[in-house]
Amino acid sequence: MLRGQTRILQQGYEGVKELIYKVVYHDGKQVEKTLLEEKIVKEKQDRIIEYGTIEAISRGGRLLAVKRMLTVTATAYCSGVEGTGCPVDHRGWTQCTGPYANGYTSIGWPAISGNGSRERPHIAAVDPSRIPLRSLLYIEGLGFAYAADVGSAIKGNRIDILMPTHYEAWRFGRQIRVVYIIDREL
């Protein structure tokens, strides 16, 4: 397993111990307490968790050192600029980017969709608390991407992939994907 992955090999549970006491009361107050018998009714069982240690993957003929692996919910969006076909509401805001349809990502890079190659990676909107901005990513089934944008609905283990048109973003839908945060090429 990759670093960041865990798997429970054995569920744990607490044990049960039965204690039998002889308690002596005088005038309604406890004056003596003696342990007569101690018996284990149910043995405890430790939980066993396996942690991944693999730190590199091979993708597209490249050996990549991996910082972390995440399973995410992936959606898609378009830049909202003219020509993408993104619907505009009565305020002039596009459906995908709202009032921020200026053709740039939140870190100032041009919002130009890629093809997933190392030379033309996708742009992904991420939650910076989970995936640092400007990180190189490898998204299973899509290829390389840069974490170069954020979105108000992108929280936790979610990413939003920039597509060239609104139709392609709509067609992408919602998918579960494995994302590797790449440290460097080896």
C-alpha atoms as a PDB file:
ATOM      1  CA  MET A   1       0.000   0.000   0.000  1.00  0.00           C
ATOM      2  CA  LEU A   2       1.059   3.579  -0.576  1.00  0.00           C
ATOM      3  CA  ARG A   3       2.019   5.950   2.193  1.00  0.00           C
ATOM      4  CA  GLY A   4      -1.215   7.535   3.430  1.00  0.00           C
ATOM      5  CA  GLN A   5      -3.308   4.398   2.946  1.00  0.00           C
ATOM      6  CA  THR A   6      -4.484   2.362   5.921  1.00  0.00           C
ATOM      7  CA  ARG A   7      -6.392  -0.871   6.261  1.00  0.00           C
ATOM      8  CA  ILE A   8      -7.870  -2.448   9.395  1.00  0.00           C
ATOM      9  CA  LEU A   9      -6.726  -6.067   9.568  1.00  0.00           C
ATOM     10  CA  GLN A  10      -8.461  -6.902  12.832  1.00  0.00           C
ATOM     11  CA  GLN A  11     -11.226  -5.029  14.624  1.00  0.00           C
ATOM     12  CA  GLY A  12     -10.540  -4.356  18.265  1.00  0.00           C
ATOM     13  CA  TYR A  13     -12.918  -4.436  21.194  1.00  0.00           C
ATOM     14  CA  GLU A  14     -12.786  -3.954  24.918  1.00  0.00           C
ATOM     15  CA  GLY A  15     -12.763  -6.896  27.260  1.00  0.00           C
ATOM     16  CA  VAL A  16     -15.187  -7.527  30.113  1.00  0.00           C
ATOM     17  CA  LYS A  17     -14.043  -8.291  33.661  1.00  0.00           C
ATOM     18  CA  GLU A  18     -16.454  -9.349  36.410  1.00  0.00           C
ATOM     19  CA  LEU A  19     -15.567  -8.352  39.965  1.00  0.00           C
ATOM     20  CA  ILE A  20     -17.443  -9.786  42.951  1.00  0.00           C
ATOM     21  CA  TYR A  21     -17.197  -7.870  46.248  1.00  0.00           C
ATOM     22  CA  LYS A  22     -18.399  -8.484  49.769  1.00  0.00           C
ATOM     23  CA  VAL A  23     -19.660  -5.157  51.098  1.00  0.00           C
ATOM     24  CA  VAL A  24     -20.467  -4.594  54.776  1.00  0.00           C
ATOM     25  CA  TYR A  25     -22.750  -1.718  55.837  1.00  0.00           C
ATOM     26  CA  HIS A  26     -23.308  -0.383  59.350  1.00  0.00           C
ATOM     27  CA  ASP A  27     -26.131   2.122  59.956  1.00  0.00           C
ATOM     28  CA  GLY A  28     -26.522   2.585  56.170  1.00  0.00           C
ATOM     29  CA  LYS A  29     -22.867   3.451  55.597  1.00  0.00           C
ATOM     30  CA  GLN A  30     -20.324   1.241  53.885  1.00  0.00           C
ATOM     31  CA  VAL A  31     -17.645   0.179  56.371  1.00  0.00           C
ATOM     32  CA  GLU A  32     -15.880  -2.629  54.530  1.00  0.00           C
ATOM     33  CA  LYS A  33     -15.401  -3.746  50.934  1.00  0.00           C
ATOM     34  CA  THR A  34     -13.519  -6.946  50.116  1.00  0.00           C
ATOM     35  CA  LEU A  35     -12.781  -8.358  46.637  1.00  0.00           C
ATOM     36  CA  LEU A  36     -13.866 -11.993  46.627  1.00  0.00           C
ATOM     37  CA  GLU A  37     -13.484 -12.987  42.985  1.00  0.00           C
ATOM     38  CA  GLU A  38     -12.136 -11.552  39.721  1.00  0.00           C
ATOM     39  CA  LYS A  39     -13.079 -13.258  36.469  1.00  0.00           C
ATOM     40  CA  ILE A  40     -12.455 -12.349  32.789  1.00  0.00           C
ATOM     41  CA  VAL A  41     -15.790 -12.761  30.999  1.00  0.00           C
ATOM     42  CA  LYS A  42     -14.562 -11.637  27.576  1.00  0.00           C
ATOM     43  CA  GLU A  43     -10.916 -11.148  26.554  1.00  0.00           C
ATOM     44  CA  LYS A  44      -9.996  -7.822  24.968  1.00  0.00           C
ATOM     45  CA  GLN A  45      -8.824  -7.816  21.355  1.00  0.00           C
ATOM     46  CA  ASP A  46      -6.383  -5.245  20.012  1.00  0.00           C
ATOM     47  CA  ARG A  47      -7.210  -3.468  16.767  1.00  0.00           C
ATOM     48  CA  ILE A  48      -4.558  -4.105  14.128  1.00  0.00           C
ATOM     49  CA  ILE A  49      -4.065  -1.440  11.461  1.00  0.00           C
ATOM     50  CA  GLU A  50      -1.783  -1.802   8.454  1.00  0.00           C
ATOM     51  CA  TYR A  51      -0.097   1.401   7.235  1.00  0.00           C
ATOM     52  CA  GLY A  52       1.197   1.839   3.693  1.00  0.00           C
ATOM     53  CA  THR A  53       4.909   2.524   3.223  1.00  0.00           C
ATOM     54  CA  ILE A  54       5.390   2.601  -0.568  1.00  0.00           C
ATOM     55  CA  GLU A  55       6.692   6.025  -1.534  1.00  0.00           C
ATOM     56  CA  ALA A  56       6.916   5.882  -5.343  1.00  0.00           C
ATOM     57  CA  ILE A  57       4.689   4.980  -8.284  1.00  0.00           C
ATOM     58  CA  SER A  58       5.357   4.510 -11.974  1.00  0.00           C
ATOM     59  CA  ARG A  59       2.945   6.354 -14.273  1.00  0.00           C
ATOM     60  CA  GLY A  60       3.328   7.254 -17.931  1.00  0.00           C
ATOM     61  CA  GLY A  61       6.864   5.853 -18.002  1.00  0.00           C
ATOM     62  CA  ARG A  62       7.904   8.124 -15.127  1.00  0.00           C
ATOM     63  CA  LEU A  63       8.907   7.135 -11.603  1.00  0.00           C
ATOM     64  CA  LEU A  64       7.243   9.536  -9.169  1.00  0.00           C
ATOM     65  CA  ALA A  65       7.937  10.022  -5.466  1.00  0.00           C
ATOM     66  CA  VAL A  66       4.585  10.311  -3.683  1.00  0.00           C
ATOM     67  CA  LYS A  67       3.977  12.588  -0.677  1.00  0.00           C
ATOM     68  CA  ARG A  68       0.462  11.304  -0.046  1.00  0.00           C
ATOM     69  CA  MET A  69      -2.429   9.449  -1.637  1.00  0.00           C
ATOM     70  CA  LEU A  70      -6.082  10.504  -1.292  1.00  0.00           C
ATOM     71  CA  THR A  71      -9.368   9.076  -2.482  1.00  0.00           C
ATOM     72  CA  VAL A  72     -11.432  12.072  -3.601  1.00  0.00           C
ATOM     73  CA  THR A  73     -14.758  13.010  -5.096  1.00  0.00           C
ATOM     74  CA  ALA A  74     -13.922  14.617  -8.438  1.00  0.00           C
ATOM     75  CA  THR A  75     -16.155  17.022 -10.333  1.00  0.00           C
ATOM     76  CA  ALA A  76     -15.407  19.348 -13.228  1.00  0.00           C
ATOM     77  CA  TYR A  77     -15.881  23.003 -14.142  1.00  0.00           C
ATOM     78  CA  CYS A  78     -15.165  25.351 -17.024  1.00  0.00           C
ATOM     79  CA  SER A  79     -13.447  28.732 -16.795  1.00  0.00           C
ATOM     80  CA  GLY A  80     -16.719  30.519 -17.538  1.00  0.00           C
ATOM     81  CA  VAL A  81     -15.163  32.814 -20.114  1.00  0.00           C
ATOM     82  CA  GLU A  82     -16.874  33.540 -23.427  1.00  0.00           C
ATOM     83  CA  GLY A  83     -16.771  30.558 -25.742  1.00  0.00           C
ATOM     84  CA  THR A  84     -16.983  27.852 -23.068  1.00  0.00           C
ATOM     85  CA  GLY A  85     -20.777  27.674 -23.275  1.00  0.00           C
ATOM     86  CA  CYS A  86     -21.198  28.231 -19.543  1.00  0.00           C
ATOM     87  CA  PRO A  87     -24.724  29.442 -18.638  1.00  0.00           C
ATOM     88  CA  VAL A  88     -24.933  32.992 -17.270  1.00  0.00           C
ATOM     89  CA  ASP A  89     -27.543  34.072 -14.694  1.00  0.00           C
ATOM     90  CA  HIS A  90     -29.413  37.397 -14.412  1.00  0.00           C
ATOM     91  CA  ARG A  91     -26.472  38.955 -12.493  1.00  0.00           C
ATOM     92  CA  GLY A  92     -24.035  38.081 -15.274  1.00  0.00           C
ATOM     93  CA  TRP A  93     -22.391  35.336 -13.199  1.00  0.00           C
ATOM     94  CA  THR A  94     -21.463  32.062 -14.860  1.00  0.00           C
ATOM     95  CA  GLN A  95     -22.686  28.774 -13.429  1.00  0.00           C
ATOM     96  CA  CYS A  96     -19.188  27.320 -12.984  1.00  0.00           C
ATOM     97  CA  THR A  97     -17.219  30.247 -11.584  1.00  0.00           C
ATOM     98  CA  GLY A  98     -19.772  32.798 -10.416  1.00  0.00           C
ATOM     99  CA  PRO A  99     -18.394  36.340 -10.436  1.00  0.00           C
ATOM    100  CA  TYR A 100     -14.809  35.067 -10.895  1.00  0.00           C
ATOM    101  CA  ALA A 101     -15.009  34.258 -14.636  1.00  0.00           C
ATOM    102  CA  ASN A 102     -11.920  36.240 -15.577  1.00  0.00           C
ATOM    103  CA  GLY A 103      -9.912  33.459 -17.252  1.00  0.00           C
ATOM    104  CA  TYR A 104      -7.435  33.086 -14.371  1.00  0.00           C
ATOM    105  CA  THR A 105      -7.107  30.673 -11.472  1.00  0.00           C
ATOM    106  CA  SER A 106      -7.053  31.867  -7.868  1.00  0.00           C
ATOM    107  CA  ILE A 107      -3.230  31.824  -7.875  1.00  0.00           C
ATOM    108  CA  GLY A 108      -3.086  33.926 -11.052  1.00  0.00           C
ATOM    109  CA  TRP A 109      -2.350  31.257 -13.653  1.00  0.00           C
ATOM    110  CA  PRO A 110      -4.305  31.343 -16.948  1.00  0.00           C
ATOM    111  CA  ALA A 111      -7.354  29.052 -16.684  1.00  0.00           C
ATOM    112  CA  ILE A 112      -6.440  26.883 -19.661  1.00  0.00           C
ATOM    113  CA  SER A 113      -7.458  23.230 -19.532  1.00  0.00           C
ATOM    114  CA  GLY A 114      -4.789  20.604 -20.083  1.00  0.00           C
ATOM    115  CA  ASN A 115      -4.830  17.092 -21.458  1.00  0.00           C
ATOM    116  CA  GLY A 116      -3.292  15.277 -18.459  1.00  0.00           C
ATOM    117  CA  SER A 117       0.185  14.902 -19.940  1.00  0.00           C
ATOM    118  CA  ARG A 118       3.227  16.038 -17.989  1.00  0.00           C
ATOM    119  CA  GLU A 119       3.704  18.810 -20.567  1.00  0.00           C
ATOM    120  CA  ARG A 120       0.047  19.985 -20.452  1.00  0.00           C
ATOM    121  CA  PRO A 121      -1.349  19.008 -17.044  1.00  0.00           C
ATOM    122  CA  HIS A 122      -4.944  19.631 -16.007  1.00  0.00           C
ATOM    123  CA  ILE A 123      -5.742  22.411 -13.541  1.00  0.00           C
ATOM    124  CA  ALA A 124      -7.553  21.310 -10.397  1.00  0.00           C
ATOM    125  CA  ALA A 125      -9.406  23.311  -7.769  1.00  0.00           C
ATOM    126  CA  VAL A 126      -8.620  21.896  -4.333  1.00  0.00           C
ATOM    127  CA  ASP A 127      -9.104  22.504  -0.634  1.00  0.00           C
ATOM    128  CA  PRO A 128      -5.692  23.965   0.334  1.00  0.00           C
ATOM    129  CA  SER A 129      -5.973  22.449   3.814  1.00  0.00           C
ATOM    130  CA  ARG A 130      -5.912  18.962   2.202  1.00  0.00           C
ATOM    131  CA  ILE A 131      -3.851  19.551  -0.967  1.00  0.00           C
ATOM    132  CA  PRO A 132      -1.397  22.462  -1.011  1.00  0.00           C
ATOM    133  CA  LEU A 133      -1.786  24.933  -3.882  1.00  0.00           C
ATOM    134  CA  ARG A 134       0.842  24.615  -6.656  1.00  0.00           C
ATOM    135  CA  SER A 135       1.204  20.861  -5.920  1.00  0.00           C
ATOM    136  CA  LEU A 136       1.764  18.494  -8.808  1.00  0.00           C
ATOM    137  CA  LEU A 137      -0.892  15.761  -8.749  1.00  0.00           C
ATOM    138  CA  TYR A 138      -1.434  12.510 -10.574  1.00  0.00           C
ATOM    139  CA  ILE A 139      -5.138  11.676 -10.889  1.00  0.00           C
ATOM    140  CA  GLU A 140      -5.846   8.036 -11.757  1.00  0.00           C
ATOM    141  CA  GLY A 141      -7.560   7.830 -15.135  1.00  0.00           C
ATOM    142  CA  LEU A 142      -6.933  11.516 -15.966  1.00  0.00           C
ATOM    143  CA  GLY A 143      -3.177  12.029 -15.692  1.00  0.00           C
ATOM    144  CA  PHE A 144      -1.173  14.930 -14.321  1.00  0.00           C
ATOM    145  CA  ALA A 145      -2.698  18.091 -12.827  1.00  0.00           C
ATOM    146  CA  TYR A 146      -1.647  21.149 -10.879  1.00  0.00           C
ATOM    147  CA  ALA A 147      -3.508  22.278  -7.768  1.00  0.00           C
ATOM    148  CA  ALA A 148      -3.896  25.859  -8.988  1.00  0.00           C
ATOM    149  CA  ASP A 149      -7.410  26.907  -8.034  1.00  0.00           C
ATOM    150  CA  VAL A 150      -9.888  26.879  -5.142  1.00  0.00           C
ATOM    151  CA  GLY A 151     -13.663  26.846  -5.041  1.00  0.00           C
ATOM    152  CA  SER A 152     -16.282  27.665  -2.438  1.00  0.00           C
ATOM    153  CA  ALA A 153     -17.744  24.136  -2.631  1.00  0.00           C
ATOM    154  CA  ILE A 154     -14.374  22.357  -2.735  1.00  0.00           C
ATOM    155  CA  LYS A 155     -13.853  21.250   0.870  1.00  0.00           C
ATOM    156  CA  GLY A 156     -12.142  18.161   2.251  1.00  0.00           C
ATOM    157  CA  ASN A 157     -11.348  15.326  -0.128  1.00  0.00           C
ATOM    158  CA  ARG A 158     -12.866  16.981  -3.206  1.00  0.00           C
ATOM    159  CA  ILE A 159     -11.288  18.265  -6.380  1.00  0.00           C
ATOM    160  CA  ASP A 160     -12.711  20.120  -9.361  1.00  0.00           C
ATOM    161  CA  ILE A 161     -11.024  19.595 -12.752  1.00  0.00           C
ATOM    162  CA  LEU A 162     -10.933  22.439 -15.285  1.00  0.00           C
ATOM    163  CA  MET A 163     -12.453  21.387 -18.624  1.00  0.00           C
ATOM    164  CA  PRO A 164     -12.361  23.330 -21.934  1.00  0.00           C
ATOM    165  CA  THR A 165     -16.163  23.598 -22.241  1.00  0.00           C
ATOM    166  CA  HIS A 166     -19.167  23.612 -19.966  1.00  0.00           C
ATOM    167  CA  TYR A 167     -20.576  20.574 -21.785  1.00  0.00           C
ATOM    168  CA  GLU A 168     -17.437  18.517 -21.035  1.00  0.00           C
ATOM    169  CA  ALA A 169     -17.573  19.588 -17.375  1.00  0.00           C
ATOM    170  CA  TRP A 170     -21.246  18.605 -17.171  1.00  0.00           C
ATOM    171  CA  ARG A 171     -20.532  15.265 -18.867  1.00  0.00           C
ATOM    172  CA  PHE A 172     -17.716  14.483 -16.406  1.00  0.00           C
ATOM    173  CA  GLY A 173     -20.257  14.482 -13.578  1.00  0.00           C
ATOM    174  CA  ARG A 174     -19.171  13.259 -10.147  1.00  0.00           C
ATOM    175  CA  GLN A 175     -16.573  10.509  -9.881  1.00  0.00           C
ATOM    176  CA  ILE A 176     -14.454   8.859  -7.206  1.00  0.00           C
ATOM    177  CA  ARG A 177     -10.752   9.084  -8.072  1.00  0.00           C
ATOM    178  CA  VAL A 178      -7.426   8.277  -6.454  1.00  0.00           C
ATOM    179  CA  VAL A 179      -5.106  11.301  -6.356  1.00  0.00           C
ATOM    180  CA  TYR A 180      -1.380  11.159  -5.667  1.00  0.00           C
ATOM    181  CA  ILE A 181       0.343  14.295  -4.427  1.00  0.00           C
ATOM    182  CA  ILE A 182       3.712  14.113  -6.170  1.00  0.00           C
ATOM    183  CA  ASP A 183       6.878  15.086  -4.337  1.00  0.00           C
ATOM    184  CA  ARG A 184       9.255  14.837  -7.320  1.00  0.00           C
ATOM    185  CA  GLU A 185      10.235  12.746 -10.306  1.00  0.00           C
ATOM    186  CA  LEU A 186      12.870  10.104  -9.584  1.00  0.00           C
END
